[in-house]
Protein backbone atom coordinates (compact mmCIF):
# COMPACT_ATOMS: atom_id res chain seq x y z
CA MET A 1 -23.26 -4.74 -3.71
CA SER A 2 -22.11 -1.88 -5.50
CA ARG A 3 -18.24 -1.26 -6.38
CA ILE A 4 -16.19 1.45 -5.26
CA ARG A 5 -15.74 3.86 -7.75
CA VAL A 6 -12.07 4.69 -8.49
CA THR A 7 -10.48 7.28 -10.35
CA VAL A 8 -6.45 7.05 -10.92
CA TRP A 9 -4.86 10.39 -12.05
CA GLY A 10 -1.39 10.65 -13.77
CA GLU A 11 0.61 13.11 -15.27
CA ASN A 12 1.13 10.85 -18.46
CA VAL A 13 4.28 13.05 -18.73
CA HIS A 14 7.14 10.49 -18.44
CA GLU A 15 5.79 8.16 -20.31
CA ARG A 16 5.38 10.32 -23.23
CA LYS A 17 8.49 12.13 -23.25
CA SER A 18 10.93 9.17 -21.78
CA ALA A 19 11.53 5.55 -23.80
CA VAL A 20 12.54 3.96 -20.68
CA VAL A 21 9.44 4.87 -18.74
CA ARG A 22 7.17 3.94 -21.73
CA GLY A 23 9.18 0.55 -22.14
CA VAL A 24 8.09 0.02 -18.43
CA TYR A 25 4.45 1.09 -18.84
CA PRO A 26 3.75 1.06 -22.25
CA GLN A 27 -0.28 2.16 -21.53
CA GLY A 28 1.07 4.45 -18.93
CA MET A 29 1.61 4.16 -14.93
CA HIS A 30 -2.40 5.13 -14.12
CA GLN A 31 -3.50 2.46 -16.77
CA CYS A 32 -1.61 -0.02 -14.65
CA ILE A 33 -2.62 1.06 -11.32
CA ALA A 34 -6.05 1.21 -12.72
CA ASP A 35 -6.11 -2.43 -14.45
CA ALA A 36 -4.72 -4.02 -10.98
CA LEU A 37 -7.49 -2.39 -9.51
CA ASN A 38 -10.19 -3.43 -11.68
CA ALA A 39 -8.42 -7.22 -11.27
CA ALA A 40 -9.15 -7.08 -7.71
CA GLY A 41 -12.64 -7.10 -7.01
CA GLY A 42 -14.94 -5.18 -5.86
CA ILE A 43 -13.63 -1.83 -7.51
CA GLU A 44 -14.09 -0.30 -10.48
CA ALA A 45 -11.18 2.17 -11.79
CA GLY A 46 -11.17 4.54 -14.40
CA THR A 47 -8.17 6.94 -15.69
CA ALA A 48 -7.62 10.97 -15.93
CA THR A 49 -4.59 12.61 -16.85
CA LEU A 50 -3.28 16.30 -17.22
CA ASP A 51 -3.49 17.08 -20.36
CA GLN A 52 -7.42 16.61 -20.65
CA PRO A 53 -9.42 18.81 -20.58
CA ASP A 54 -9.82 20.07 -16.91
CA HIS A 55 -6.82 17.78 -15.88
CA GLY A 56 -9.73 14.89 -16.65
CA LEU A 57 -11.77 15.97 -13.38
CA PRO A 58 -14.71 18.31 -14.92
CA PRO A 59 -17.55 19.15 -12.91
CA GLY A 60 -19.54 16.17 -11.64
CA ARG A 61 -16.15 13.83 -12.08
CA LEU A 62 -15.20 13.75 -8.26
CA GLU A 63 -18.80 13.71 -7.26
CA GLU A 64 -18.97 9.90 -8.94
CA THR A 65 -15.67 9.06 -7.27
CA ASP A 66 -15.34 7.02 -4.22
CA VAL A 67 -11.02 7.15 -3.84
CA LEU A 68 -9.13 9.59 -6.06
CA ILE A 69 -5.18 8.54 -6.49
CA TRP A 70 -2.79 10.89 -7.66
CA TRP A 71 0.82 10.41 -9.03
CA GLY A 72 2.50 13.44 -10.11
CA HIS A 73 6.21 14.94 -10.33
CA ALA A 74 7.32 16.86 -13.66
CA ALA A 75 4.31 18.72 -13.40
CA HIS A 76 3.14 19.66 -10.28
CA GLY A 77 2.97 23.35 -11.21
CA GLU A 78 0.96 23.05 -14.30
CA VAL A 79 -2.29 21.71 -12.38
CA ARG A 80 -4.52 24.48 -12.41
CA ASP A 81 -5.37 25.57 -8.96
CA GLU A 82 -9.32 25.58 -9.44
CA ILE A 83 -8.79 21.45 -10.16
CA VAL A 84 -6.99 21.65 -6.98
CA GLU A 85 -9.65 23.69 -4.94
CA ARG A 86 -12.12 21.03 -6.46
CA VAL A 87 -9.79 17.98 -4.80
CA THR A 88 -9.52 19.63 -1.84
CA GLN A 89 -13.21 20.56 -1.21
CA ALA A 90 -14.04 16.50 -2.62
CA VAL A 91 -11.83 15.26 0.37
CA TRP A 92 -13.09 17.58 2.83
CA SER A 93 -16.66 16.22 1.46
CA GLY A 94 -15.87 12.96 2.15
CA MET A 95 -14.19 11.82 -0.91
CA GLY A 96 -10.80 9.36 0.03
CA ALA A 97 -7.55 10.34 -1.58
CA ILE A 98 -4.26 8.32 -2.13
CA PHE A 99 -1.33 10.10 -3.01
CA LEU A 100 1.66 8.05 -4.56
CA HIS A 101 5.28 8.55 -4.64
CA SER A 102 6.23 12.23 -5.81
CA ALA A 103 2.66 13.24 -5.02
CA HIS A 104 3.94 14.43 -1.66
CA PHE A 105 5.21 17.50 -3.66
CA SER A 106 1.86 17.41 -5.76
CA LYS A 107 -0.53 21.04 -5.23
CA PRO A 108 -3.23 18.43 -3.49
CA PHE A 109 -1.52 16.69 -1.30
CA LYS A 110 0.32 19.86 0.34
CA ARG A 111 -2.76 22.29 0.68
CA LEU A 112 -4.02 19.15 2.45
CA MET A 113 -1.22 18.34 4.73
CA GLY A 114 -0.54 22.82 4.97
CA THR A 115 3.41 21.65 5.32
CA PRO A 116 6.49 21.73 2.90
CA CYS A 117 6.09 17.99 2.56
CA ASN A 118 10.06 18.14 1.78
CA LEU A 119 12.56 15.39 1.87
CA THR A 120 15.67 13.84 1.30
CA TRP A 121 16.13 11.95 -2.29
CA ARG A 122 18.87 9.52 -4.56
CA GLU A 123 17.80 8.29 -7.53
CA ALA A 124 20.38 5.22 -7.29
CA GLY A 125 18.12 2.19 -8.24
CA GLU A 126 18.65 0.64 -4.63
CA ARG A 127 16.97 -1.81 -2.93
CA GLU A 128 13.96 -0.82 -0.70
CA ARG A 129 12.64 -3.50 2.44
CA LEU A 130 9.47 -1.92 3.50
CA TRP A 131 8.29 -3.11 7.46
CA LEU A 132 4.78 -3.16 8.70
CA THR A 133 4.54 -1.47 11.39
CA SER A 134 1.14 -1.88 12.19
CA ARG A 135 0.26 -5.58 11.39
CA SER A 136 -3.74 -5.39 11.79
CA HIS A 137 -3.92 -2.24 10.06
CA PRO A 138 -6.85 -2.77 6.73
CA ILE A 139 -4.33 -1.19 4.43
CA ALA A 140 -1.65 -4.03 5.62
CA ALA A 141 -3.75 -6.98 4.90
CA GLY A 142 -2.38 -10.12 3.33
CA LEU A 143 0.97 -8.86 3.30
CA PRO A 144 4.30 -10.11 4.97
CA ASP A 145 5.86 -8.35 7.64
CA HIS A 146 7.99 -7.37 5.23
CA PHE A 147 8.70 -7.30 1.82
CA GLU A 148 11.13 -5.88 -0.86
CA LEU A 149 11.64 -3.93 -3.98
CA GLU A 150 15.02 -4.48 -5.87
CA HIS A 151 15.04 -1.41 -7.42
CA GLU A 152 13.88 2.00 -6.33
CA GLU A 153 14.64 5.68 -5.61
CA MET A 154 15.11 6.68 -2.29
CA TYR A 155 13.50 8.56 0.06
CA GLY A 156 14.72 9.44 3.46
CA GLU A 157 13.89 11.21 6.24
CA PRO A 158 13.40 14.12 7.65
CA PHE A 159 9.53 14.02 5.94
CA GLY A 160 7.94 17.19 6.30
CA ILE A 161 4.40 16.08 6.79
CA PRO A 162 2.07 16.40 9.79
CA ASP A 163 2.25 13.75 12.13
CA PRO A 164 0.40 10.97 10.84
CA MET A 165 -2.71 9.71 12.43
CA GLU A 166 -1.08 6.17 11.55
CA THR A 167 2.09 5.15 10.23
CA VAL A 168 1.62 1.80 8.35
CA PHE A 169 5.24 1.52 6.52
CA VAL A 170 8.56 2.27 7.07
CA SER A 171 11.26 1.80 4.90
CA TRP A 172 14.73 0.94 4.82
CA PHE A 173 17.25 1.66 1.62
CA GLN A 174 20.50 0.42 0.94
CA GLY A 175 22.26 3.40 1.42
CA GLY A 176 21.49 3.07 5.02
CA GLU A 177 18.22 6.13 4.96
CA VAL A 178 14.59 5.11 6.31
CA PHE A 179 11.39 7.01 5.97
CA ARG A 180 7.69 6.81 6.83
CA SER A 181 6.30 4.94 3.36
CA GLY A 182 3.04 4.49 4.21
CA VAL A 183 0.86 7.08 6.35
CA THR A 184 -2.57 8.19 6.98
CA TYR A 185 -4.77 11.54 7.79
CA LYS A 186 -8.26 12.31 7.99
CA ARG A 187 -8.97 15.63 6.29
CA GLY A 188 -12.62 16.75 7.07
CA ALA A 189 -15.09 13.95 5.98
CA GLY A 190 -12.15 12.23 3.75
CA LYS A 191 -9.54 9.71 4.87
CA VAL A 192 -5.92 9.95 3.19
CA PHE A 193 -3.21 7.77 2.55
CA TYR A 194 0.40 8.58 1.14
CA PHE A 195 2.29 5.48 -0.08
CA ARG A 196 5.71 5.99 -1.36
CA PRO A 197 7.34 3.46 -3.94
CA GLY A 198 6.64 4.41 -7.45
CA HIS A 199 9.37 5.79 -9.52
CA GLU A 200 8.72 5.80 -13.02
CA THR A 201 11.70 4.09 -14.24
CA TYR A 202 11.02 0.53 -12.41
CA PRO A 203 8.53 -1.75 -12.61
CA THR A 204 7.23 -0.92 -9.18
CA TYR A 205 3.20 -0.92 -9.89
CA HIS A 206 3.93 -4.35 -11.29
CA ASP A 207 4.54 -5.64 -8.40
CA ALA A 208 1.79 -7.95 -6.55
CA ASN A 209 2.55 -6.38 -2.66
CA ILE A 210 2.43 -3.11 -4.30
CA GLN A 211 -0.96 -3.77 -5.75
CA ARG A 212 -1.97 -5.42 -2.54
CA VAL A 213 -1.36 -2.03 -0.67
CA ILE A 214 -3.05 0.00 -2.75
CA ALA A 215 -6.13 -2.14 -3.65
CA ASN A 216 -6.28 -2.29 0.23
CA ALA A 217 -5.60 1.59 0.70
CA VAL A 218 -8.99 2.08 -1.70
CA ARG A 219 -11.18 -0.12 0.20
CA TRP A 220 -10.18 1.78 3.37
CA ALA A 221 -10.22 5.35 2.30
CA HIS A 222 -13.70 4.63 1.10
CA ASN A 223 -16.43 6.50 2.80
CA PRO A 224 -19.77 5.09 2.31
CA ALA A 225 -21.66 7.94 3.90
CA PRO A 226 -23.05 10.47 2.19
CA ARG A 227 -21.11 13.48 1.04
CA LEU A 228 -21.19 16.53 3.04
CA ALA A 229 -22.70 19.25 1.15
CA ASP A 230 -21.06 22.07 1.57
CA PRO A 231 -17.60 21.10 3.71
CA SER A 232 -16.62 25.11 4.09
CA ALA A 233 -19.69 26.39 4.93
CA ALA A 234 -19.50 28.73 8.72
CA PRO A 235 -23.25 29.87 8.90
CA ASN A 236 -24.48 32.82 10.70
CA ILE A 237 -26.57 30.99 13.23
CA PRO A 238 -29.54 33.24 14.45
CA VAL A 239 -30.46 34.28 18.02
CA GLU A 240 -34.04 32.83 18.19
CA THR A 241 -32.72 29.33 16.69
CA ALA A 242 -30.49 29.05 19.72
CA LEU A 243 -31.15 25.40 21.37
CA GLU A 244 -31.38 27.41 24.65
CA PRO A 245 -32.99 30.57 25.09
CA ILE A 246 -31.00 33.46 24.97
CA THR A 247 -31.50 37.39 25.16
CA GLU A 248 -29.01 39.40 22.46
CA ARG A 249 -26.87 42.02 23.95
CA GLY A 250 -23.86 44.24 23.52
CA PRO A 251 -22.76 45.62 20.16
CA LYS A 252 -22.76 43.05 17.26
CA LEU A 253 -20.31 44.01 13.92
CA HIS A 254 -22.52 41.68 11.64
CA ALA A 255 -26.23 42.07 11.09
CA ALA A 256 -28.29 39.04 10.68
CA GLY A 257 -27.80 36.82 8.32
CA GLU A 258 -25.01 38.16 7.06
CA GLU A 259 -22.02 36.16 5.83
CA GLY A 260 -18.64 36.27 7.93
CA TYR A 261 -15.05 37.24 6.88
CA ARG A 262 -12.97 34.95 5.30
């Protein structure tokens, strides 16, 4: 059976600029996540980073990616709009996408959500307790009803996202806030999962439960069906090809075969 092809995209900015982050993730967060996925079975994960040509996502790379994982924070604005469009079109056509932690403010996630995606936050290294809200969901497979991260950044409600298709996890923090930490969406033919934990100064992506969630999410987001060739197509259907015979009548704005306005 063929493996699910995953591309783990990371800014790789904090790892190069911060000795603290480099100490936690000497090969980068993107490589830590990819290594865990490659050890999970049935998944083949590679990486891409912001500083590479086309941010590591040149034409053809996403066509060979079943699921894209995105981590961003310090350099959201440096991601070129044509790459955002490339990612969006790939999701609409059937590629799965997983957005981690501060990627709630990434250009691709905000484009797919169509909302501000804002939240409250606090960087205090407090305990986070994640609760399953859907025990039978595939992303929750093999997990206890709750688990804890000893040190994490707080994200709090209200979270400016559309109503999710499903909420798989909610978090409680030591300071008292709660947050929808694992939510799913369908965008076009693609599945999208947002997962909150992952502040760069803490060893979150070394945690076995977090690694399990991400691997489960990859399997859930994978769409084995062929990609849609043009998910944005809006064809002008000729009268003569209508399933039932009709007679054209009334004035027309567009000529036969003419593209519509966008």
